[in-house]
Amino acid sequence: MEEAGQKLKRARERLNLRYRDVEDASNQIAARHNNDEFSIALSRLSDIENKGTVPTIYRLYALCTIYRLDINEVLDWYGVNLAALAADAASIQMQRTHLIGFGANGYGDTQMPLALDPGIDLRRTTFLSRMIQRWGKLPLTLLNSLDMKNYRYAFIGSEDWTMYPLIQPSSLILIDDTHRKVVNTGWANEFERPIYFFEHRKGFACS
């Protein structure tokens, strides 16, 4: 696999830029921001391209600016995938309630159902996976912690009050079909009890 430094080198060569050209351009960026951290000396650029030296965030910004590269893509070359930001955050348990400072800012895509069967009756609880006609990508970073395409879905009918208030009518639910056995114990209150989605003669329901 080609190293990140070599990819940056190819990007420079495509623009027919010499080391000196990159240094001069980075100095312009440094002057514009009044911050010498953006400057890239000749020897540092050589180390980045040929020795695997990881550039600082300032120099990475400067290189992406000079080479007209998407900084998200270049970060991915170095093994930093911004699309995984929300999923990684979700894996870290925080005891205190807190705000989330990142959102759908273009950090990758997530698979979502884009087209449903037009004959769907939203008044009834429906096994949604059968009604999805087309999948597509949406820039919803916060949903990347879910394996959206490998689960099944159901829509709780607008007139289905069976599990209220635990499940509101018109809710979209995610179904993990790897759990098929009914569990009778193991919870401390009603909110911890597993909820099952099942098919019956007249349709579908939760219980």
Protein backbone atom coordinates (compact mmCIF):
# COMPACT_ATOMS: atom_id res chain seq x y z
CA MET A 1 0.00 0.00 0.00
CA GLU A 2 1.28 3.46 -0.90
CA GLU A 3 2.35 5.54 2.09
CA ALA A 4 0.65 8.85 2.83
CA GLY A 5 3.88 10.75 2.17
CA GLN A 6 4.16 9.22 -1.29
CA LYS A 7 0.59 10.26 -2.07
CA LEU A 8 1.43 13.81 -1.08
CA LYS A 9 4.52 13.63 -3.28
CA ARG A 10 2.43 12.53 -6.26
CA ALA A 11 -0.02 15.37 -5.60
CA ARG A 12 2.89 17.84 -5.66
CA GLU A 13 4.36 16.38 -8.82
CA ARG A 14 1.00 16.49 -10.62
CA LEU A 15 1.06 20.25 -10.09
CA ASN A 16 4.71 20.41 -11.20
CA LEU A 17 5.70 22.06 -7.93
CA ARG A 18 9.27 22.03 -6.61
CA TYR A 19 10.14 21.89 -2.93
CA ARG A 20 10.97 25.59 -3.06
CA ASP A 21 7.54 26.36 -4.53
CA VAL A 22 5.82 24.54 -1.67
CA GLU A 23 7.97 26.30 0.92
CA ASP A 24 7.19 29.71 -0.59
CA ALA A 25 3.47 28.95 -0.74
CA SER A 26 3.41 27.74 2.87
CA ASN A 27 5.18 30.94 3.93
CA GLN A 28 2.38 32.92 2.32
CA ILE A 29 -0.20 30.95 4.29
CA ALA A 30 1.82 31.48 7.48
CA ALA A 31 1.95 35.22 6.84
CA ARG A 32 -1.77 35.31 6.07
CA HIS A 33 -2.57 33.67 9.43
CA ASN A 34 0.32 35.30 11.31
CA ASN A 35 1.47 31.84 12.42
CA ASP A 36 4.85 30.33 11.49
CA GLU A 37 3.53 26.82 12.25
CA PHE A 38 2.07 26.77 8.72
CA SER A 39 5.54 27.15 7.15
CA ILE A 40 7.10 24.00 5.67
CA ALA A 41 10.88 24.01 5.30
CA LEU A 42 12.52 22.10 2.46
CA SER A 43 14.01 19.48 4.77
CA ARG A 44 10.67 18.94 6.56
CA LEU A 45 8.83 18.44 3.28
CA SER A 46 11.44 15.89 2.22
CA ASP A 47 10.97 14.02 5.50
CA ILE A 48 7.18 14.02 5.09
CA GLU A 49 7.43 12.57 1.59
CA ASN A 50 10.29 10.14 1.98
CA LYS A 51 10.71 9.24 5.67
CA GLY A 52 7.12 8.88 6.81
CA THR A 53 7.23 11.94 9.06
CA VAL A 54 3.68 12.90 10.07
CA PRO A 55 3.00 16.60 9.45
CA THR A 56 1.52 18.78 12.16
CA ILE A 57 -2.09 19.89 11.75
CA TYR A 58 -0.84 23.26 10.52
CA ARG A 59 1.46 21.79 7.88
CA LEU A 60 -1.17 19.30 6.82
CA TYR A 61 -3.58 22.19 6.33
CA ALA A 62 -0.97 24.05 4.32
CA LEU A 63 -0.23 21.04 2.09
CA CYS A 64 -3.93 20.44 1.44
CA THR A 65 -4.36 24.12 0.61
CA ILE A 66 -1.41 24.20 -1.77
CA TYR A 67 -2.22 20.87 -3.46
CA ARG A 68 -5.99 21.50 -3.55
CA LEU A 69 -6.70 18.31 -1.58
CA ASP A 70 -9.64 17.38 0.64
CA ILE A 71 -8.22 17.42 4.16
CA ASN A 72 -10.66 14.69 5.25
CA GLU A 73 -9.26 12.38 2.57
CA VAL A 74 -5.65 13.18 3.48
CA LEU A 75 -6.37 12.48 7.15
CA ASP A 76 -7.71 9.12 6.04
CA TRP A 77 -4.35 8.46 4.32
CA TYR A 78 -2.82 8.75 7.78
CA GLY A 79 -5.38 6.42 9.33
CA VAL A 80 -7.66 9.11 10.78
CA ASN A 81 -11.17 8.53 9.47
CA LEU A 82 -13.44 11.41 10.47
CA ALA A 83 -16.50 9.38 9.47
CA ALA A 84 -15.74 7.18 12.50
CA LEU A 85 -15.76 10.12 14.91
CA ALA A 86 -19.28 9.58 16.24
CA ALA A 87 -18.92 5.80 16.44
CA ASP A 88 -15.66 6.10 18.37
CA ALA A 89 -17.24 8.65 20.69
CA ALA A 90 -20.21 6.36 21.29
CA SER A 91 -17.84 3.57 22.35
CA ILE A 92 -16.50 5.73 25.21
CA GLN A 93 -18.88 5.75 28.16
CA MET A 94 -19.35 9.18 29.77
CA GLN A 95 -21.06 9.42 33.15
CA ARG A 96 -22.23 13.00 32.85
CA THR A 97 -24.91 14.31 30.49
CA HIS A 98 -23.21 16.46 27.86
CA LEU A 99 -23.60 18.27 24.58
CA ILE A 100 -22.20 16.76 21.38
CA GLY A 101 -19.95 19.13 19.51
CA PHE A 102 -19.91 17.38 16.17
CA GLY A 103 -22.71 16.78 13.72
CA ALA A 104 -23.47 16.23 10.06
CA ASN A 105 -20.66 18.41 8.73
CA GLY A 106 -19.64 16.27 5.80
CA TYR A 107 -17.58 13.80 7.85
CA GLY A 108 -18.51 10.78 5.77
CA ASP A 109 -21.77 9.14 4.86
CA THR A 110 -24.05 6.55 6.30
CA GLN A 111 -26.33 4.09 4.55
CA MET A 112 -30.00 5.04 4.89
CA PRO A 113 -33.23 3.97 3.18
CA LEU A 114 -34.02 6.67 0.60
CA ALA A 115 -37.09 5.23 -1.08
CA LEU A 116 -40.02 3.31 0.45
CA ASP A 117 -42.85 1.41 -1.17
CA PRO A 118 -45.50 4.07 -1.96
CA GLY A 119 -48.19 1.63 -0.81
CA ILE A 120 -47.01 1.68 2.81
CA ASP A 121 -49.82 2.25 5.34
CA LEU A 122 -48.39 4.47 8.08
CA ARG A 123 -51.36 3.77 10.34
CA ARG A 124 -50.27 0.16 10.84
CA THR A 125 -47.11 -1.30 12.34
CA THR A 126 -44.99 -2.38 9.38
CA PHE A 127 -41.89 -4.51 8.82
CA LEU A 128 -40.00 -1.73 7.10
CA SER A 129 -37.14 -3.81 5.68
CA ARG A 130 -39.59 -5.29 3.17
CA MET A 131 -40.75 -1.84 2.13
CA ILE A 132 -37.31 -0.32 1.37
CA GLN A 133 -36.90 0.07 -2.37
CA ARG A 134 -33.58 1.89 -2.50
CA TRP A 135 -30.60 2.49 -0.20
CA GLY A 136 -28.32 5.48 -0.42
CA LYS A 137 -25.78 7.60 1.42
CA LEU A 138 -26.63 10.58 3.57
CA PRO A 139 -24.10 12.80 5.43
CA LEU A 140 -25.39 11.91 8.90
CA THR A 141 -22.32 11.54 11.05
CA LEU A 142 -24.14 10.77 14.27
CA LEU A 143 -25.68 7.65 12.75
CA ASN A 144 -22.35 6.10 11.88
CA SER A 145 -22.26 4.37 15.25
CA LEU A 146 -25.09 2.17 13.98
CA ASP A 147 -24.61 -0.64 11.48
CA MET A 148 -27.60 0.63 9.57
CA LYS A 149 -27.65 -1.70 6.57
CA ASN A 150 -27.08 -4.94 8.48
CA TYR A 151 -30.09 -4.61 10.77
CA ARG A 152 -33.81 -4.77 10.05
CA TYR A 153 -36.34 -2.02 10.54
CA ALA A 154 -39.95 -1.56 11.45
CA PHE A 155 -42.30 1.40 11.60
CA ILE A 156 -44.74 1.60 14.49
CA GLY A 157 -48.13 2.56 13.12
CA SER A 158 -49.56 5.97 13.95
CA GLU A 159 -52.53 4.20 15.55
CA ASP A 160 -50.53 1.49 17.34
CA TRP A 161 -50.48 2.31 21.08
CA THR A 162 -49.56 -1.23 22.20
CA MET A 163 -46.20 -0.35 23.78
CA TYR A 164 -46.93 3.27 24.75
CA PRO A 165 -45.21 5.05 26.50
CA LEU A 166 -42.11 2.86 25.97
CA ILE A 167 -42.54 3.10 22.21
CA GLN A 168 -44.39 6.04 20.71
CA PRO A 169 -46.69 5.61 17.69
CA SER A 170 -44.98 6.58 14.40
CA SER A 171 -41.59 5.46 15.75
CA LEU A 172 -38.91 3.96 13.51
CA ILE A 173 -37.33 1.00 15.32
CA LEU A 174 -34.12 -0.93 14.70
CA ILE A 175 -34.38 -4.72 15.02
CA ASP A 176 -31.51 -7.00 15.95
CA ASP A 177 -32.65 -10.32 14.50
CA THR A 178 -29.73 -12.23 16.02
CA HIS A 179 -31.77 -12.41 19.24
CA ARG A 180 -34.66 -14.78 18.65
CA LYS A 181 -35.13 -16.44 22.05
CA VAL A 182 -37.57 -14.95 24.56
CA VAL A 183 -35.83 -14.01 27.81
CA ASN A 184 -37.86 -14.18 31.03
CA THR A 185 -35.43 -12.76 33.60
CA GLY A 186 -32.47 -10.44 33.97
CA TRP A 187 -33.95 -6.95 34.38
CA ALA A 188 -34.60 -4.66 37.30
CA ASN A 189 -37.56 -2.69 35.91
CA GLU A 190 -39.90 -2.43 32.93
CA PHE A 191 -37.56 -0.14 31.04
CA GLU A 192 -34.83 -2.81 30.96
CA ARG A 193 -37.07 -5.58 29.65
CA PRO A 194 -36.38 -6.70 26.08
CA ILE A 195 -39.00 -5.71 23.52
CA TYR A 196 -39.79 -8.21 20.78
CA PHE A 197 -41.04 -7.56 17.29
CA PHE A 198 -43.16 -10.38 15.91
CA GLU A 199 -45.47 -11.25 13.03
CA HIS A 200 -49.05 -12.44 13.58
CA ARG A 201 -52.01 -13.24 11.37
CA LYS A 202 -53.05 -9.63 10.89
CA GLY A 203 -49.65 -8.02 10.60
CA PHE A 204 -46.87 -7.08 13.01
CA ALA A 205 -46.59 -5.87 16.60
CA CYS A 206 -44.21 -5.21 19.47
CA SER A 207 -44.55 -6.87 22.87
